Amino acid sequence: MLLNLKKKIQEDGTSLPLQYSFDLSKLSCDAVYPFVSPVQVEGTVDMHGGFAQLQAAVSFDFSVPCDRCTAQINKRLTYRFSHTLVPSLTNERDADDDRYVVLQEDGSLDLDHLLQEDILLALPNKFLCREDCKGLCPICGKNLNDGPCGCSHKEIDPRLEVLKQLIK
């Protein structure tokens, strides 16, 4: 959604409601296409006479394999984002400040792109089916959440392997 604020941003007290959806189903994350429903966006853009405040809530269905046991995880995720929209930065030190989003020269903002970045940054680095997921057995590949596999997981420090030969 292209949001044009060129004329409205100078107004004070005006509010623009937002309610729409956009598609991320073709966006790949680690060779998986996890977005299984359109991203629903609800929020407002409040004008403050020279800048605007964006408040947005996004929700979507997300499906990925667990990073430990590969069981499929299906969740409905919801995130809230807030941004200060400005036509230009007032000084150089604000250039590194992530709080400000600078509008394009024509006063527009690609809201889909901004929210896509926010969503990707908000997603966890590791997806687990549950906090105490035991993962897969490295020897036989059995899901250890379903019970023990019976494999011997006795590990010997390779530096001490020579001592084992001396005992024999």
N, C-alpha and C. Protein backbone atom coordinates (compact mmCIF):
# COMPACT_ATOMS: atom_id res chain seq x y z
N MET A 1 0.85 -1.17 0.00
CA MET A 1 0.00 0.00 0.00
C MET A 1 0.90 1.23 0.00
N LEU A 2 0.65 2.10 -0.93
CA LEU A 2 1.41 3.34 -1.02
C LEU A 2 0.63 4.41 -0.27
N LEU A 3 1.24 4.95 0.77
CA LEU A 3 0.61 5.95 1.61
C LEU A 3 1.17 7.31 1.24
N ASN A 4 0.31 8.24 0.79
CA ASN A 4 0.77 9.57 0.39
C ASN A 4 0.39 10.57 1.47
N LEU A 5 1.40 11.15 2.12
CA LEU A 5 1.17 12.07 3.23
C LEU A 5 1.64 13.49 2.93
N LYS A 6 1.94 13.78 1.67
CA LYS A 6 2.54 15.08 1.32
C LYS A 6 1.75 16.26 1.87
N LYS A 7 0.45 16.28 1.68
CA LYS A 7 -0.37 17.40 2.14
C LYS A 7 -0.84 17.20 3.58
N LYS A 8 -1.17 15.98 3.93
CA LYS A 8 -1.75 15.70 5.25
C LYS A 8 -0.76 15.86 6.40
N ILE A 9 0.55 15.62 6.16
CA ILE A 9 1.52 15.61 7.26
C ILE A 9 1.65 16.98 7.93
N GLN A 10 1.30 18.04 7.24
CA GLN A 10 1.37 19.38 7.82
C GLN A 10 0.17 19.70 8.71
N GLU A 11 -0.88 18.91 8.61
CA GLU A 11 -2.06 19.12 9.43
C GLU A 11 -1.79 18.64 10.85
N ASP A 12 -2.52 19.18 11.80
CA ASP A 12 -2.35 18.77 13.20
C ASP A 12 -3.67 18.21 13.70
N GLY A 13 -3.62 17.02 14.27
CA GLY A 13 -4.82 16.41 14.83
C GLY A 13 -5.59 15.52 13.88
N THR A 14 -5.18 15.44 12.63
CA THR A 14 -5.85 14.58 11.67
C THR A 14 -5.37 13.14 11.86
N SER A 15 -6.26 12.20 11.67
CA SER A 15 -5.92 10.79 11.82
C SER A 15 -6.43 10.01 10.62
N LEU A 16 -5.57 9.17 10.07
CA LEU A 16 -5.94 8.30 8.95
C LEU A 16 -6.05 6.86 9.47
N PRO A 17 -7.23 6.25 9.37
CA PRO A 17 -7.33 4.85 9.79
C PRO A 17 -6.75 3.93 8.71
N LEU A 18 -6.16 2.84 9.14
CA LEU A 18 -5.60 1.85 8.21
C LEU A 18 -6.27 0.51 8.48
N GLN A 19 -6.73 -0.13 7.45
CA GLN A 19 -7.23 -1.50 7.56
C GLN A 19 -7.16 -2.11 6.16
N TYR A 20 -6.20 -3.01 6.00
CA TYR A 20 -6.02 -3.66 4.70
C TYR A 20 -5.18 -4.92 4.92
N SER A 21 -4.92 -5.64 3.85
CA SER A 21 -4.06 -6.83 3.94
C SER A 21 -3.11 -6.84 2.75
N PHE A 22 -1.98 -7.52 2.94
CA PHE A 22 -1.04 -7.71 1.84
C PHE A 22 -0.45 -9.10 1.93
N ASP A 23 0.09 -9.58 0.82
CA ASP A 23 0.50 -10.96 0.68
C ASP A 23 2.01 -11.12 0.81
N LEU A 24 2.44 -12.03 1.68
CA LEU A 24 3.86 -12.38 1.80
C LEU A 24 4.09 -13.86 1.50
N SER A 25 3.13 -14.52 0.86
CA SER A 25 3.22 -15.96 0.65
C SER A 25 4.39 -16.36 -0.25
N LYS A 26 4.91 -15.44 -1.05
CA LYS A 26 6.04 -15.76 -1.93
C LYS A 26 7.38 -15.39 -1.29
N LEU A 27 7.36 -14.92 -0.04
CA LEU A 27 8.58 -14.55 0.66
C LEU A 27 9.19 -15.78 1.32
N SER A 28 10.42 -16.09 0.96
CA SER A 28 11.11 -17.27 1.48
C SER A 28 11.96 -16.91 2.69
N CYS A 29 11.88 -17.73 3.72
CA CYS A 29 12.74 -17.61 4.91
C CYS A 29 13.43 -18.95 5.09
N ASP A 30 14.73 -19.01 4.87
CA ASP A 30 15.50 -20.25 4.98
C ASP A 30 14.90 -21.37 4.13
N ALA A 31 14.59 -21.06 2.88
CA ALA A 31 14.07 -22.02 1.89
C ALA A 31 12.68 -22.55 2.26
N VAL A 32 11.97 -21.86 3.13
CA VAL A 32 10.61 -22.22 3.52
C VAL A 32 9.72 -21.01 3.22
N TYR A 33 8.50 -21.27 2.82
CA TYR A 33 7.53 -20.19 2.59
C TYR A 33 6.53 -20.21 3.74
N PRO A 34 6.86 -19.51 4.84
CA PRO A 34 6.10 -19.67 6.08
C PRO A 34 4.80 -18.88 6.19
N PHE A 35 4.59 -17.88 5.34
CA PHE A 35 3.40 -17.04 5.46
C PHE A 35 2.25 -17.71 4.72
N VAL A 36 1.32 -18.30 5.47
CA VAL A 36 0.25 -19.08 4.86
C VAL A 36 -1.07 -18.32 4.76
N SER A 37 -1.09 -17.09 5.23
CA SER A 37 -2.28 -16.25 5.06
C SER A 37 -1.82 -14.82 4.79
N PRO A 38 -2.69 -14.00 4.20
CA PRO A 38 -2.31 -12.60 4.02
C PRO A 38 -2.07 -11.92 5.37
N VAL A 39 -1.20 -10.94 5.37
CA VAL A 39 -0.94 -10.16 6.58
C VAL A 39 -2.06 -9.13 6.73
N GLN A 40 -2.77 -9.20 7.85
CA GLN A 40 -3.85 -8.25 8.14
C GLN A 40 -3.26 -7.07 8.89
N VAL A 41 -3.53 -5.86 8.42
CA VAL A 41 -2.98 -4.64 9.03
C VAL A 41 -4.14 -3.78 9.53
N GLU A 42 -4.03 -3.35 10.78
CA GLU A 42 -4.97 -2.39 11.35
C GLU A 42 -4.16 -1.35 12.10
N GLY A 43 -4.53 -0.10 11.95
CA GLY A 43 -3.79 0.93 12.67
C GLY A 43 -4.25 2.32 12.30
N THR A 44 -3.42 3.29 12.69
CA THR A 44 -3.71 4.69 12.39
C THR A 44 -2.42 5.43 12.08
N VAL A 45 -2.57 6.49 11.32
CA VAL A 45 -1.48 7.45 11.10
C VAL A 45 -2.01 8.78 11.64
N ASP A 46 -1.42 9.24 12.74
CA ASP A 46 -1.84 10.49 13.38
C ASP A 46 -0.90 11.61 12.98
N MET A 47 -1.46 12.69 12.45
CA MET A 47 -0.67 13.84 11.99
C MET A 47 -0.44 14.80 13.16
N HIS A 48 0.78 15.33 13.22
CA HIS A 48 1.16 16.24 14.31
C HIS A 48 1.82 17.51 13.78
N GLY A 49 1.38 18.02 12.65
CA GLY A 49 1.90 19.27 12.12
C GLY A 49 3.38 19.22 11.79
N GLY A 50 3.75 18.47 10.79
CA GLY A 50 5.15 18.37 10.37
C GLY A 50 5.71 16.96 10.47
N PHE A 51 5.07 16.11 11.26
CA PHE A 51 5.46 14.70 11.32
C PHE A 51 4.20 13.89 11.61
N ALA A 52 4.31 12.60 11.44
CA ALA A 52 3.16 11.72 11.68
C ALA A 52 3.61 10.53 12.51
N GLN A 53 2.68 9.98 13.27
CA GLN A 53 2.96 8.81 14.09
C GLN A 53 2.15 7.64 13.56
N LEU A 54 2.86 6.59 13.13
CA LEU A 54 2.21 5.38 12.63
C LEU A 54 2.11 4.36 13.76
N GLN A 55 0.92 3.88 14.02
CA GLN A 55 0.68 2.79 14.97
C GLN A 55 0.00 1.69 14.17
N ALA A 56 0.61 0.51 14.13
CA ALA A 56 0.03 -0.57 13.32
C ALA A 56 0.12 -1.89 14.07
N ALA A 57 -0.91 -2.70 13.91
CA ALA A 57 -0.92 -4.07 14.41
C ALA A 57 -1.06 -4.98 13.20
N VAL A 58 -0.21 -5.99 13.13
CA VAL A 58 -0.27 -6.95 12.02
C VAL A 58 -0.52 -8.34 12.59
N SER A 59 -1.26 -9.14 11.87
CA SER A 59 -1.49 -10.53 12.28
C SER A 59 -1.53 -11.41 11.03
N PHE A 60 -1.04 -12.64 11.19
CA PHE A 60 -0.95 -13.55 10.06
C PHE A 60 -0.75 -14.97 10.57
N ASP A 61 -1.06 -15.95 9.72
CA ASP A 61 -0.81 -17.35 10.03
C ASP A 61 0.57 -17.70 9.52
N PHE A 62 1.31 -18.45 10.34
CA PHE A 62 2.72 -18.74 10.08
C PHE A 62 2.93 -20.23 10.28
N SER A 63 3.62 -20.89 9.35
CA SER A 63 3.85 -22.32 9.44
C SER A 63 5.29 -22.64 9.07
N VAL A 64 6.04 -23.19 10.04
CA VAL A 64 7.45 -23.54 9.83
C VAL A 64 7.75 -24.86 10.55
N PRO A 65 8.80 -25.56 10.13
CA PRO A 65 9.22 -26.75 10.87
C PRO A 65 10.00 -26.34 12.12
N CYS A 66 9.86 -27.12 13.18
CA CYS A 66 10.62 -26.90 14.41
C CYS A 66 12.10 -27.03 14.09
N ASP A 67 12.91 -26.14 14.63
CA ASP A 67 14.35 -26.16 14.36
C ASP A 67 15.07 -27.32 15.03
N ARG A 68 14.43 -28.02 15.97
CA ARG A 68 15.07 -29.15 16.62
C ARG A 68 14.54 -30.50 16.15
N CYS A 69 13.21 -30.62 16.04
CA CYS A 69 12.64 -31.94 15.73
C CYS A 69 11.93 -32.00 14.38
N THR A 70 11.84 -30.92 13.68
CA THR A 70 11.21 -30.77 12.36
C THR A 70 9.69 -30.97 12.34
N ALA A 71 9.05 -31.05 13.51
CA ALA A 71 7.58 -31.10 13.55
C ALA A 71 7.05 -29.76 13.05
N GLN A 72 5.93 -29.80 12.33
CA GLN A 72 5.38 -28.57 11.77
C GLN A 72 4.75 -27.72 12.88
N ILE A 73 5.05 -26.42 12.87
CA ILE A 73 4.50 -25.47 13.83
C ILE A 73 3.56 -24.55 13.07
N ASN A 74 2.31 -24.48 13.49
CA ASN A 74 1.32 -23.58 12.89
C ASN A 74 0.87 -22.61 13.97
N LYS A 75 1.09 -21.32 13.72
CA LYS A 75 0.75 -20.30 14.72
C LYS A 75 0.09 -19.11 14.05
N ARG A 76 -0.71 -18.43 14.83
CA ARG A 76 -1.24 -17.11 14.43
C ARG A 76 -0.39 -16.11 15.20
N LEU A 77 0.37 -15.29 14.48
CA LEU A 77 1.26 -14.32 15.12
C LEU A 77 0.68 -12.91 14.99
N THR A 78 0.87 -12.11 16.03
CA THR A 78 0.43 -10.72 16.04
C THR A 78 1.55 -9.87 16.59
N TYR A 79 1.85 -8.79 15.91
CA TYR A 79 2.88 -7.84 16.35
C TYR A 79 2.33 -6.43 16.26
N ARG A 80 2.87 -5.56 17.09
CA ARG A 80 2.52 -4.13 17.06
C ARG A 80 3.79 -3.34 16.74
N PHE A 81 3.62 -2.33 15.88
CA PHE A 81 4.75 -1.50 15.48
C PHE A 81 4.37 -0.03 15.58
N SER A 82 5.38 0.79 15.85
CA SER A 82 5.17 2.23 15.93
C SER A 82 6.35 2.91 15.24
N HIS A 83 6.05 3.89 14.40
CA HIS A 83 7.09 4.63 13.69
C HIS A 83 6.73 6.11 13.65
N THR A 84 7.75 6.95 13.72
CA THR A 84 7.58 8.38 13.50
C THR A 84 7.95 8.66 12.05
N LEU A 85 7.01 9.20 11.29
CA LEU A 85 7.21 9.48 9.87
C LEU A 85 7.53 10.95 9.70
N VAL A 86 8.64 11.25 9.04
CA VAL A 86 9.07 12.64 8.84
C VAL A 86 9.37 12.88 7.36
N PRO A 87 9.13 14.12 6.87
CA PRO A 87 9.44 14.41 5.47
C PRO A 87 10.95 14.43 5.21
N SER A 88 11.73 14.85 6.21
CA SER A 88 13.19 14.85 6.09
C SER A 88 13.78 14.90 7.50
N LEU A 89 15.06 14.56 7.60
CA LEU A 89 15.73 14.61 8.90
C LEU A 89 16.20 16.03 9.18
N THR A 90 16.10 16.44 10.44
CA THR A 90 16.47 17.82 10.79
C THR A 90 17.97 17.98 10.97
N ASN A 91 18.67 16.93 11.36
CA ASN A 91 20.13 17.02 11.49
C ASN A 91 20.76 15.66 11.20
N GLU A 92 22.07 15.67 11.02
CA GLU A 92 22.82 14.47 10.62
C GLU A 92 22.76 13.35 11.66
N ARG A 93 22.73 13.69 12.94
CA ARG A 93 22.77 12.64 13.96
C ARG A 93 21.49 11.81 13.99
N ASP A 94 20.41 12.35 13.43
CA ASP A 94 19.17 11.58 13.36
C ASP A 94 19.22 10.50 12.28
N ALA A 95 20.21 10.53 11.41
CA ALA A 95 20.30 9.55 10.32
C ALA A 95 20.45 8.12 10.83
N ASP A 96 21.08 7.94 11.99
CA ASP A 96 21.26 6.61 12.55
C ASP A 96 20.15 6.21 13.51
N ASP A 97 19.19 7.08 13.72
CA ASP A 97 18.11 6.82 14.67
C ASP A 97 17.01 6.02 13.98
N ASP A 98 16.76 4.81 14.46
CA ASP A 98 15.76 3.93 13.85
C ASP A 98 14.33 4.36 14.13
N ARG A 99 14.14 5.32 15.00
CA ARG A 99 12.78 5.76 15.32
C ARG A 99 12.13 6.51 14.17
N TYR A 100 12.94 7.12 13.32
CA TYR A 100 12.41 7.95 12.25
C TYR A 100 12.39 7.20 10.92
N VAL A 101 11.28 7.33 10.21
CA VAL A 101 11.17 6.82 8.85
C VAL A 101 10.97 8.03 7.96
N VAL A 102 11.89 8.23 7.03
CA VAL A 102 11.84 9.38 6.14
C VAL A 102 10.97 9.04 4.94
N LEU A 103 10.02 9.92 4.66
CA LEU A 103 9.15 9.74 3.50
C LEU A 103 9.94 9.98 2.22
N GLN A 104 9.46 9.44 1.10
CA GLN A 104 10.09 9.71 -0.18
C GLN A 104 9.87 11.17 -0.53
N GLU A 105 10.60 11.66 -1.52
CA GLU A 105 10.52 13.08 -1.89
C GLU A 105 9.11 13.53 -2.23
N ASP A 106 8.32 12.63 -2.79
CA ASP A 106 6.94 13.01 -3.14
C ASP A 106 5.98 12.87 -1.96
N GLY A 107 6.50 12.59 -0.76
CA GLY A 107 5.68 12.49 0.44
C GLY A 107 5.00 11.15 0.63
N SER A 108 5.45 10.14 -0.12
CA SER A 108 4.81 8.83 -0.04
C SER A 108 5.66 7.85 0.77
N LEU A 109 5.02 6.76 1.15
CA LEU A 109 5.68 5.71 1.92
C LEU A 109 5.10 4.37 1.48
N ASP A 110 5.98 3.42 1.16
CA ASP A 110 5.54 2.07 0.83
C ASP A 110 5.33 1.33 2.15
N LEU A 111 4.10 1.32 2.61
CA LEU A 111 3.77 0.75 3.91
C LEU A 111 4.00 -0.76 3.95
N ASP A 112 3.73 -1.46 2.85
CA ASP A 112 3.95 -2.91 2.80
C ASP A 112 5.42 -3.23 3.05
N HIS A 113 6.31 -2.50 2.39
CA HIS A 113 7.75 -2.74 2.54
C HIS A 113 8.20 -2.47 3.98
N LEU A 114 7.73 -1.37 4.57
CA LEU A 114 8.09 -1.04 5.95
C LEU A 114 7.61 -2.11 6.92
N LEU A 115 6.37 -2.55 6.78
CA LEU A 115 5.84 -3.57 7.69
C LEU A 115 6.47 -4.93 7.44
N GLN A 116 6.84 -5.24 6.20
CA GLN A 116 7.54 -6.49 5.92
C GLN A 116 8.87 -6.52 6.66
N GLU A 117 9.62 -5.43 6.62
CA GLU A 117 10.88 -5.35 7.37
C GLU A 117 10.64 -5.51 8.86
N ASP A 118 9.63 -4.84 9.39
CA ASP A 118 9.30 -4.95 10.81
C ASP A 118 8.99 -6.39 11.20
N ILE A 119 8.19 -7.07 10.38
CA ILE A 119 7.81 -8.45 10.66
C ILE A 119 9.04 -9.36 10.67
N LEU A 120 9.89 -9.24 9.65
CA LEU A 120 11.08 -10.09 9.57
C LEU A 120 12.02 -9.86 10.75
N LEU A 121 12.13 -8.62 11.20
CA LEU A 121 12.98 -8.33 12.36
C LEU A 121 12.36 -8.81 13.67
N ALA A 122 11.04 -8.90 13.72
CA ALA A 122 10.36 -9.31 14.95
C ALA A 122 10.28 -10.83 15.10
N LEU A 123 10.41 -11.58 14.01
CA LEU A 123 10.33 -13.03 14.10
C LEU A 123 11.48 -13.58 14.93
N PRO A 124 11.23 -14.63 15.70
CA PRO A 124 12.32 -15.23 16.49
C PRO A 124 13.38 -15.86 15.60
N ASN A 125 14.59 -15.95 16.11
CA ASN A 125 15.69 -16.57 15.36
C ASN A 125 15.54 -18.08 15.28
N LYS A 126 14.92 -18.66 16.29
CA LYS A 126 14.77 -20.11 16.35
C LYS A 126 13.30 -20.42 16.62
N PHE A 127 12.75 -21.34 15.84
CA PHE A 127 11.36 -21.74 16.01
C PHE A 127 11.32 -23.12 16.65
N LEU A 128 10.69 -23.22 17.80
CA LEU A 128 10.59 -24.48 18.52
C LEU A 128 9.13 -24.85 18.70
N CYS A 129 8.83 -26.15 18.57
CA CYS A 129 7.46 -26.62 18.77
C CYS A 129 7.04 -26.43 20.22
N ARG A 130 8.00 -26.51 21.13
CA ARG A 130 7.79 -26.22 22.55
C ARG A 130 9.15 -25.92 23.17
N GLU A 131 9.15 -25.25 24.29
CA GLU A 131 10.41 -24.80 24.90
C GLU A 131 11.33 -25.96 25.25
N ASP A 132 10.77 -27.09 25.68
CA ASP A 132 11.60 -28.22 26.10
C ASP A 132 11.75 -29.28 25.00
N CYS A 133 11.68 -28.86 23.74
CA CYS A 133 11.83 -29.79 22.62
C CYS A 133 13.19 -30.47 22.70
N LYS A 134 13.18 -31.80 22.61
CA LYS A 134 14.43 -32.58 22.73
C LYS A 134 15.12 -32.81 21.39
N GLY A 135 14.42 -32.54 20.29
CA GLY A 135 15.04 -32.67 18.98
C GLY A 135 15.07 -34.10 18.47
N LEU A 136 15.98 -34.34 17.53
CA LEU A 136 16.13 -35.65 16.90
C LEU A 136 17.39 -36.32 17.40
N CYS A 137 17.37 -37.64 17.45
CA CYS A 137 18.57 -38.40 17.81
C CYS A 137 19.59 -38.23 16.68
N PRO A 138 20.81 -37.83 17.01
CA PRO A 138 21.82 -37.64 15.95
C PRO A 138 22.29 -38.95 15.32
N ILE A 139 21.95 -40.08 15.94
CA ILE A 139 22.39 -41.37 15.41
C ILE A 139 21.31 -42.00 14.51
N CYS A 140 20.08 -42.11 15.03
CA CYS A 140 19.04 -42.79 14.26
C CYS A 140 17.98 -41.85 13.69
N GLY A 141 17.91 -40.62 14.17
CA GLY A 141 16.96 -39.64 13.64
C GLY A 141 15.58 -39.68 14.26
N LYS A 142 15.37 -40.48 15.32
CA LYS A 142 14.06 -40.57 15.97
C LYS A 142 13.77 -39.26 16.70
N ASN A 143 12.50 -38.87 16.69
CA ASN A 143 12.07 -37.68 17.43
C ASN A 143 12.09 -38.03 18.92
N LEU A 144 12.98 -37.42 19.67
CA LEU A 144 13.15 -37.73 21.09
C LEU A 144 12.00 -37.21 21.95
N ASN A 145 11.13 -36.39 21.40
CA ASN A 145 9.93 -35.96 22.13
C ASN A 145 8.94 -37.11 22.27
N ASP A 146 9.03 -38.10 21.37
CA ASP A 146 8.14 -39.26 21.41
C ASP A 146 8.64 -40.35 22.34
N GLY A 147 9.81 -40.18 22.90
CA GLY A 147 10.40 -41.17 23.81
C GLY A 147 11.83 -41.46 23.42
N PRO A 148 12.56 -42.19 24.29
CA PRO A 148 13.96 -42.50 24.00
C PRO A 148 14.08 -43.46 22.82
N CYS A 149 15.22 -43.39 22.16
CA CYS A 149 15.40 -44.21 20.95
C CYS A 149 16.20 -45.48 21.22
N GLY A 150 16.94 -45.54 22.29
CA GLY A 150 17.72 -46.73 22.59
C GLY A 150 19.15 -46.68 22.07
N CYS A 151 19.51 -45.64 21.36
CA CYS A 151 20.88 -45.51 20.86
C CYS A 151 21.81 -45.15 22.02
N SER A 152 23.05 -45.55 21.90
CA SER A 152 24.05 -45.21 22.91
C SER A 152 24.58 -43.81 22.61
N HIS A 153 24.36 -42.90 23.55
CA HIS A 153 24.79 -41.51 23.37
C HIS A 153 26.03 -41.22 24.20
N LYS A 154 26.76 -42.27 24.53
CA LYS A 154 27.97 -42.12 25.33
C LYS A 154 29.05 -41.51 24.44
N GLU A 155 29.47 -40.32 24.79
CA GLU A 155 30.49 -39.64 23.99
C GLU A 155 31.82 -39.69 24.72
N ILE A 156 32.85 -39.97 23.96
CA ILE A 156 34.20 -40.01 24.51
C ILE A 156 34.97 -38.84 23.93
N ASP A 157 35.64 -38.13 24.80
CA ASP A 157 36.47 -37.01 24.38
C ASP A 157 37.54 -37.57 23.44
N PRO A 158 37.62 -37.09 22.20
CA PRO A 158 38.58 -37.65 21.24
C PRO A 158 40.03 -37.55 21.72
N ARG A 159 40.33 -36.63 22.59
CA ARG A 159 41.71 -36.51 23.10
C ARG A 159 42.04 -37.66 24.05
N LEU A 160 41.00 -38.28 24.63
CA LEU A 160 41.23 -39.38 25.57
C LEU A 160 41.03 -40.75 24.91
N GLU A 161 40.73 -40.78 23.65
CA GLU A 161 40.51 -42.03 22.92
C GLU A 161 41.75 -42.93 22.99
N VAL A 162 42.92 -42.36 22.99
CA VAL A 162 44.17 -43.13 23.06
C VAL A 162 44.26 -43.88 24.38
N LEU A 163 43.78 -43.28 25.47
CA LEU A 163 43.81 -43.95 26.77
C LEU A 163 42.92 -45.18 26.78
N LYS A 164 41.84 -45.16 26.02
CA LYS A 164 40.96 -46.31 25.94
C LYS A 164 41.71 -47.51 25.34
N GLN A 165 42.58 -47.24 24.39
CA GLN A 165 43.37 -48.31 23.78
C GLN A 165 44.36 -48.92 24.78
N LEU A 166 44.88 -48.11 25.71
CA LEU A 166 45.83 -48.60 26.71
C LEU A 166 45.17 -49.56 27.70
N ILE A 167 43.90 -49.33 28.00
CA ILE A 167 43.18 -50.17 28.95
C ILE A 167 42.95 -51.55 28.38
N LYS A 168 42.81 -51.68 27.09
CA LYS A 168 42.56 -52.99 26.45
C LYS A 168 43.76 -53.83 26.46
